[in-house]
Protein backbone atom coordinates (compact mmCIF):
# COMPACT_ATOMS: atom_id res chain seq x y z
CA UNK A 1 92.88 103.04 84.25
CA UNK A 2 95.79 103.88 86.55
CA UNK A 3 95.46 103.47 90.31
CA UNK A 4 95.70 107.24 90.84
CA UNK A 5 92.88 107.74 88.31
CA UNK A 6 90.79 105.06 90.02
CA UNK A 7 91.18 106.77 93.40
CA UNK A 8 90.18 110.11 91.88
CA UNK A 9 87.13 108.54 90.19
CA UNK A 10 86.10 106.66 93.32
CA UNK A 11 86.41 109.71 95.59
CA UNK A 12 84.16 111.68 93.24
CA UNK A 13 81.55 108.93 93.64
CA UNK A 14 82.11 108.46 97.42
CA UNK A 15 83.47 111.75 98.72
CA UNK A 16 85.72 111.23 101.78
CA UNK A 17 84.11 114.32 103.34
CA UNK A 18 80.93 112.24 103.79
CA UNK A 19 82.54 109.86 106.28
CA UNK A 20 81.54 110.02 109.90
CA UNK A 21 84.07 110.59 112.69
CA UNK A 22 83.77 106.89 113.66
CA UNK A 23 84.39 105.60 110.11
CA UNK A 24 87.68 103.84 109.47
CA UNK A 25 88.13 105.00 105.87
CA UNK A 26 91.21 105.58 103.82
CA UNK A 27 93.64 104.18 101.28
CA UNK A 28 96.62 101.97 102.01
CA UNK A 29 98.85 102.39 98.99
CA UNK A 30 102.15 100.65 98.36
CA UNK A 31 104.77 103.26 97.41
CA UNK A 32 105.43 103.58 93.70
CA UNK A 33 102.27 101.95 92.33
CA UNK A 34 100.00 104.93 91.63
CA UNK A 35 100.83 104.93 87.92
CA UNK A 36 100.31 101.17 87.45
CA UNK A 37 97.14 99.81 85.86
CA UNK A 38 94.46 99.18 88.48
CA UNK A 39 93.28 95.64 89.09
CA UNK A 40 90.41 95.87 91.57
CA UNK A 41 88.75 93.27 93.77
CA UNK A 42 85.54 94.42 95.47
CA UNK A 43 84.27 92.66 98.60
CA UNK A 44 81.92 93.27 101.50
CA UNK A 45 84.19 91.76 104.15
CA UNK A 46 87.97 91.40 103.72
CA UNK A 47 88.28 87.83 105.02
CA UNK A 48 91.47 85.79 104.77
CA UNK A 49 90.04 83.90 101.77
CA UNK A 50 89.27 87.15 99.97
CA UNK A 51 92.76 88.51 100.64
CA UNK A 52 94.31 85.26 99.36
CA UNK A 53 92.22 85.61 96.20
CA UNK A 54 93.46 89.17 95.78
CA UNK A 55 97.11 88.21 96.31
CA UNK A 56 97.09 85.36 93.76
CA UNK A 57 96.77 87.55 90.62
CA UNK A 58 98.49 90.48 92.42
CA UNK A 59 95.47 92.73 92.74
CA UNK A 60 96.63 96.24 93.34
CA UNK A 61 93.38 97.53 94.86
CA UNK A 62 91.17 95.57 97.22
CA UNK A 63 88.03 97.56 97.89
CA UNK A 64 85.99 96.64 100.98
CA UNK A 65 82.58 98.24 101.22
């Protein structure tokens, strides 16, 4: 699945219109990667250790929920 397809799928599941005014939601996408295969790391809290884990295999999407 491409990153662009993942974002589309995810936003169908969790519609951005549902966010509250105080929510800090959104995507931070590196230019030029939307057509690359998605490698996703899901975490509850994006700690330094989690980010280091994501960087090691070059995760392209780190999803904090």
